[in-house]
Amino acid sequence: MDASKLLQLQTAAAHSHSIPKPLQQSASSSKSNDSASSKTATPSPPVLCCSRCRRTSTGSSGMVSFGTNLFYCSHCASMVGYNHTG
């Protein structure tokens, strides 16, 4: 088999795959659901996750911030020697 036939075969194989369908709903139906749910939903406090042990906490109670959107739980903060609460 010469190189040109091999290249044609590879090109045909690469372009014969079907395009996968998106897993999300269409834009029009998701927009209508979002607007309906936003009227009845109440805002909830953020859920923070410890960067070391992955414990979660609602709000900043018991969490130590050590960077932008980075937190340790109080236990992990004391384990790594980081007790700054600011």
Protein backbone atom coordinates (compact mmCIF):
# COMPACT_ATOMS: atom_id res chain seq x y z
CA MET A 1 0.00 0.00 0.00
CA ASP A 2 1.51 3.32 -0.98
CA ALA A 3 1.59 6.42 1.24
CA SER A 4 -1.17 8.33 -0.58
CA LYS A 5 -3.68 5.49 -0.17
CA LEU A 6 -2.73 5.14 3.48
CA LEU A 7 -3.26 8.88 4.02
CA GLN A 8 -6.67 8.71 2.31
CA LEU A 9 -7.67 5.75 4.47
CA GLN A 10 -6.60 7.53 7.67
CA THR A 11 -8.43 10.72 6.66
CA ALA A 12 -11.62 8.80 5.87
CA ALA A 13 -11.44 6.97 9.21
CA ALA A 14 -10.89 10.20 11.14
CA HIS A 15 -13.87 11.94 9.55
CA SER A 16 -16.29 9.01 9.69
CA HIS A 17 -17.01 9.31 13.45
CA SER A 18 -20.32 10.85 14.39
CA ILE A 19 -20.39 14.01 16.48
CA PRO A 20 -21.33 13.25 20.11
CA LYS A 21 -24.55 14.77 21.39
CA PRO A 22 -24.30 17.20 24.31
CA LEU A 23 -25.45 15.86 27.68
CA GLN A 24 -27.12 19.11 28.74
CA GLN A 25 -30.64 20.17 27.88
CA SER A 26 -31.23 22.65 25.11
CA ALA A 27 -30.64 26.30 25.99
CA SER A 28 -34.32 27.29 25.76
CA SER A 29 -35.56 24.65 28.21
CA SER A 30 -32.77 25.23 30.74
CA LYS A 31 -33.37 28.99 30.72
CA SER A 32 -37.04 28.54 31.50
CA ASN A 33 -36.22 26.13 34.35
CA ASP A 34 -33.61 28.50 35.78
CA SER A 35 -35.95 31.47 35.83
CA ALA A 36 -38.72 29.46 37.50
CA SER A 37 -36.44 28.03 40.18
CA SER A 38 -34.76 31.36 40.94
CA LYS A 39 -38.08 32.85 42.00
CA THR A 40 -38.70 30.21 44.67
CA ALA A 41 -35.15 29.33 45.76
CA THR A 42 -33.61 31.06 48.74
CA PRO A 43 -29.86 31.70 48.72
CA SER A 44 -27.87 29.25 50.80
CA PRO A 45 -24.57 29.94 52.56
CA PRO A 46 -21.47 28.78 50.69
CA VAL A 47 -20.13 25.32 51.45
CA LEU A 48 -16.41 25.49 52.19
CA CYS A 49 -14.10 22.51 51.79
CA CYS A 50 -10.85 21.89 53.68
CA SER A 51 -7.94 21.75 51.25
CA ARG A 52 -6.22 19.02 53.28
CA CYS A 53 -8.88 16.56 54.51
CA ARG A 54 -11.87 17.61 52.37
CA ARG A 55 -14.23 18.16 55.32
CA THR A 56 -17.01 20.53 54.40
CA SER A 57 -18.50 23.33 56.44
CA THR A 58 -21.45 25.60 55.76
CA GLY A 59 -20.23 29.16 56.15
CA SER A 60 -16.83 30.08 57.55
CA SER A 61 -17.42 28.70 61.06
CA GLY A 62 -14.55 26.39 62.02
CA MET A 63 -12.59 27.15 58.85
CA VAL A 64 -9.30 29.02 58.50
CA SER A 65 -8.70 30.94 55.28
CA PHE A 66 -5.15 30.84 53.94
CA GLY A 67 -5.69 32.30 50.48
CA THR A 68 -8.36 33.26 48.00
CA ASN A 69 -10.99 30.51 48.19
CA LEU A 70 -8.56 28.25 50.10
CA PHE A 71 -9.48 26.92 53.52
CA TYR A 72 -8.33 24.52 56.24
CA CYS A 73 -10.67 23.14 58.85
CA SER A 74 -9.54 24.14 62.35
CA HIS A 75 -8.06 20.67 62.96
CA CYS A 76 -5.92 20.67 59.79
CA ALA A 77 -4.88 24.28 60.35
CA SER A 78 -3.44 23.37 63.75
CA MET A 79 -1.79 20.25 62.27
CA VAL A 80 0.10 22.29 59.68
CA GLY A 81 0.80 25.14 62.10
CA TYR A 82 -1.45 27.67 60.40
CA ASN A 83 -3.77 29.23 62.96
CA HIS A 84 -4.24 32.66 61.38
CA THR A 85 -8.00 33.38 61.16
CA GLY A 86 -8.14 36.14 58.59
